Amino acid sequence: MNGKRFGFLGLFIAGLAAVALGYLALHLERLTLAPTLLVAGYCVLIPWALFRLGHGEGDGGPAPSAGE
């Protein structure tokens, strides 16, 4: 991980932390904070981390074929 961006692991851990804090906030009846954290974790951070897993820096993926 460099200083400018989170890599896969950083985003995934942030997503899991947001989900865990969201459930804690739900238990504490913080009914505005809890859904915000849960949505941020499940719908933003974890999918973003999974997207980054498939599109890592320097990965480049397969080379395009001559027909493309």
N, C-alpha and C. Protein backbone atom coordinates (compact mmCIF):
# COMPACT_ATOMS: atom_id res chain seq x y z
N MET A 1 0.84 -1.19 0.00
CA MET A 1 0.00 0.00 0.00
C MET A 1 0.88 1.24 0.00
N ASN A 2 0.60 2.14 -0.90
CA ASN A 2 1.33 3.39 -0.87
C ASN A 2 0.51 4.44 -0.14
N GLY A 3 1.09 5.61 0.06
CA GLY A 3 0.44 6.64 0.84
C GLY A 3 -0.77 7.27 0.17
N LYS A 4 -0.85 7.21 -1.16
CA LYS A 4 -1.93 7.89 -1.88
C LYS A 4 -3.22 7.08 -1.93
N ARG A 5 -3.12 5.76 -1.99
CA ARG A 5 -4.31 4.93 -2.20
C ARG A 5 -4.32 3.76 -1.23
N PHE A 6 -5.52 3.32 -0.94
CA PHE A 6 -5.67 2.06 -0.23
C PHE A 6 -5.59 0.95 -1.24
N GLY A 7 -4.97 -0.13 -0.88
CA GLY A 7 -4.99 -1.31 -1.72
C GLY A 7 -6.20 -2.16 -1.35
N PHE A 8 -6.23 -3.36 -1.89
CA PHE A 8 -7.34 -4.26 -1.61
C PHE A 8 -7.50 -4.50 -0.12
N LEU A 9 -6.42 -4.84 0.54
CA LEU A 9 -6.50 -5.21 1.95
C LEU A 9 -6.97 -4.05 2.82
N GLY A 10 -6.47 -2.86 2.56
CA GLY A 10 -6.89 -1.70 3.34
C GLY A 10 -8.37 -1.39 3.18
N LEU A 11 -8.85 -1.45 1.95
CA LEU A 11 -10.27 -1.19 1.71
C LEU A 11 -11.15 -2.28 2.31
N PHE A 12 -10.70 -3.52 2.19
CA PHE A 12 -11.49 -4.62 2.73
C PHE A 12 -11.58 -4.54 4.25
N ILE A 13 -10.47 -4.22 4.90
CA ILE A 13 -10.48 -4.08 6.36
C ILE A 13 -11.33 -2.89 6.78
N ALA A 14 -11.26 -1.80 6.03
CA ALA A 14 -12.11 -0.64 6.32
C ALA A 14 -13.59 -1.00 6.17
N GLY A 15 -13.91 -1.80 5.16
CA GLY A 15 -15.29 -2.24 4.98
C GLY A 15 -15.77 -3.12 6.12
N LEU A 16 -14.93 -4.05 6.52
CA LEU A 16 -15.30 -4.92 7.65
C LEU A 16 -15.44 -4.12 8.94
N ALA A 17 -14.55 -3.13 9.14
CA ALA A 17 -14.65 -2.28 10.32
C ALA A 17 -15.94 -1.46 10.30
N ALA A 18 -16.30 -0.94 9.14
CA ALA A 18 -17.54 -0.17 9.02
C ALA A 18 -18.75 -1.04 9.33
N VAL A 19 -18.74 -2.27 8.86
CA VAL A 19 -19.85 -3.19 9.13
C VAL A 19 -19.92 -3.51 10.61
N ALA A 20 -18.77 -3.81 11.22
CA ALA A 20 -18.75 -4.14 12.65
C ALA A 20 -19.21 -2.94 13.48
N LEU A 21 -18.73 -1.75 13.15
CA LEU A 21 -19.17 -0.56 13.87
C LEU A 21 -20.65 -0.27 13.63
N GLY A 22 -21.13 -0.60 12.44
CA GLY A 22 -22.55 -0.41 12.14
C GLY A 22 -23.43 -1.30 13.00
N TYR A 23 -23.02 -2.56 13.18
CA TYR A 23 -23.78 -3.45 14.05
C TYR A 23 -23.68 -3.03 15.51
N LEU A 24 -22.52 -2.53 15.91
CA LEU A 24 -22.38 -2.01 17.27
C LEU A 24 -23.29 -0.80 17.48
N ALA A 25 -23.32 0.10 16.50
CA ALA A 25 -24.20 1.27 16.58
C ALA A 25 -25.67 0.85 16.59
N LEU A 26 -25.99 -0.20 15.85
CA LEU A 26 -27.37 -0.70 15.85
C LEU A 26 -27.74 -1.25 17.23
N HIS A 27 -26.80 -1.95 17.85
CA HIS A 27 -27.02 -2.47 19.20
C HIS A 27 -27.21 -1.34 20.20
N LEU A 28 -26.49 -0.24 19.99
CA LEU A 28 -26.59 0.91 20.89
C LEU A 28 -27.73 1.85 20.51
N GLU A 29 -28.54 1.43 19.53
CA GLU A 29 -29.72 2.17 19.07
C GLU A 29 -29.37 3.54 18.51
N ARG A 30 -28.26 3.63 17.82
CA ARG A 30 -27.88 4.84 17.08
C ARG A 30 -28.48 4.69 15.69
N LEU A 31 -29.73 5.05 15.53
CA LEU A 31 -30.50 4.69 14.35
C LEU A 31 -30.22 5.55 13.12
N THR A 32 -29.34 6.51 13.21
CA THR A 32 -28.90 7.24 12.03
C THR A 32 -27.51 6.76 11.61
N LEU A 33 -26.65 6.57 12.59
CA LEU A 33 -25.28 6.16 12.32
C LEU A 33 -25.20 4.72 11.83
N ALA A 34 -25.99 3.84 12.41
CA ALA A 34 -25.91 2.41 12.08
C ALA A 34 -26.17 2.12 10.61
N PRO A 35 -27.28 2.58 10.02
CA PRO A 35 -27.50 2.29 8.60
C PRO A 35 -26.46 2.93 7.69
N THR A 36 -25.98 4.09 8.08
CA THR A 36 -24.95 4.76 7.27
C THR A 36 -23.69 3.91 7.22
N LEU A 37 -23.25 3.41 8.37
CA LEU A 37 -22.05 2.57 8.41
C LEU A 37 -22.27 1.25 7.68
N LEU A 38 -23.44 0.65 7.86
CA LEU A 38 -23.70 -0.63 7.21
C LEU A 38 -23.75 -0.49 5.68
N VAL A 39 -24.39 0.56 5.20
CA VAL A 39 -24.44 0.78 3.75
C VAL A 39 -23.05 1.10 3.21
N ALA A 40 -22.30 1.92 3.94
CA ALA A 40 -20.95 2.24 3.50
C ALA A 40 -20.08 0.99 3.43
N GLY A 41 -20.22 0.12 4.40
CA GLY A 41 -19.42 -1.10 4.41
C GLY A 41 -19.83 -2.09 3.35
N TYR A 42 -21.13 -2.43 3.33
CA TYR A 42 -21.61 -3.47 2.42
C TYR A 42 -21.73 -3.01 0.96
N CYS A 43 -22.08 -1.76 0.74
CA CYS A 43 -22.39 -1.30 -0.63
C CYS A 43 -21.30 -0.46 -1.27
N VAL A 44 -20.34 0.03 -0.49
CA VAL A 44 -19.30 0.88 -1.06
C VAL A 44 -17.92 0.27 -0.86
N LEU A 45 -17.50 0.11 0.39
CA LEU A 45 -16.11 -0.27 0.66
C LEU A 45 -15.77 -1.69 0.26
N ILE A 46 -16.60 -2.66 0.63
CA ILE A 46 -16.28 -4.05 0.28
C ILE A 46 -16.35 -4.28 -1.23
N PRO A 47 -17.39 -3.80 -1.95
CA PRO A 47 -17.36 -3.97 -3.41
C PRO A 47 -16.18 -3.24 -4.07
N TRP A 48 -15.83 -2.07 -3.56
CA TRP A 48 -14.69 -1.33 -4.10
C TRP A 48 -13.41 -2.14 -3.90
N ALA A 49 -13.26 -2.77 -2.72
CA ALA A 49 -12.09 -3.59 -2.46
C ALA A 49 -12.05 -4.79 -3.41
N LEU A 50 -13.19 -5.42 -3.65
CA LEU A 50 -13.22 -6.56 -4.56
C LEU A 50 -12.92 -6.13 -5.99
N PHE A 51 -13.37 -4.95 -6.36
CA PHE A 51 -13.04 -4.43 -7.68
C PHE A 51 -11.53 -4.20 -7.80
N ARG A 52 -10.94 -3.64 -6.75
CA ARG A 52 -9.50 -3.40 -6.75
C ARG A 52 -8.70 -4.70 -6.79
N LEU A 53 -9.26 -5.77 -6.23
CA LEU A 53 -8.57 -7.06 -6.26
C LEU A 53 -8.38 -7.53 -7.69
N GLY A 54 -9.37 -7.32 -8.53
CA GLY A 54 -9.27 -7.73 -9.91
C GLY A 54 -8.53 -6.75 -10.80
N HIS A 55 -8.32 -5.52 -10.32
CA HIS A 55 -7.69 -4.49 -11.13
C HIS A 55 -6.54 -3.86 -10.37
N GLY A 56 -5.62 -4.68 -9.88
CA GLY A 56 -4.50 -4.17 -9.10
C GLY A 56 -3.54 -3.36 -9.94
N GLU A 57 -2.77 -2.51 -9.28
CA GLU A 57 -1.80 -1.69 -9.98
C GLU A 57 -0.70 -2.57 -10.55
N GLY A 58 -0.33 -2.33 -11.78
CA GLY A 58 0.72 -3.09 -12.41
C GLY A 58 0.28 -4.45 -12.89
N ASP A 59 -0.97 -4.79 -12.64
CA ASP A 59 -1.48 -6.10 -13.04
C ASP A 59 -1.59 -6.16 -14.55
N GLY A 60 -2.22 -5.16 -15.13
CA GLY A 60 -2.32 -5.07 -16.57
C GLY A 60 -3.30 -6.04 -17.19
N GLY A 61 -3.50 -7.18 -16.57
CA GLY A 61 -4.42 -8.17 -17.10
C GLY A 61 -3.88 -8.81 -18.36
N PRO A 62 -4.70 -9.55 -19.05
CA PRO A 62 -4.25 -10.20 -20.27
C PRO A 62 -4.01 -9.19 -21.38
N ALA A 63 -3.06 -9.49 -22.22
CA ALA A 63 -2.76 -8.60 -23.34
C ALA A 63 -3.90 -8.67 -24.36
N PRO A 64 -4.28 -7.52 -24.95
CA PRO A 64 -5.36 -7.55 -25.95
C PRO A 64 -4.92 -8.33 -27.17
N SER A 65 -5.88 -9.02 -27.77
CA SER A 65 -5.57 -9.79 -28.96
C SER A 65 -5.47 -8.85 -30.17
N ALA A 66 -4.95 -9.35 -31.26
CA ALA A 66 -4.72 -8.53 -32.45
C ALA A 66 -6.04 -8.02 -33.04
N GLY A 67 -7.15 -8.73 -32.82
CA GLY A 67 -8.42 -8.34 -33.40
C GLY A 67 -9.11 -7.21 -32.67
N GLU A 68 -8.63 -6.82 -31.52
CA GLU A 68 -9.32 -5.79 -30.74
C GLU A 68 -8.81 -4.42 -31.05
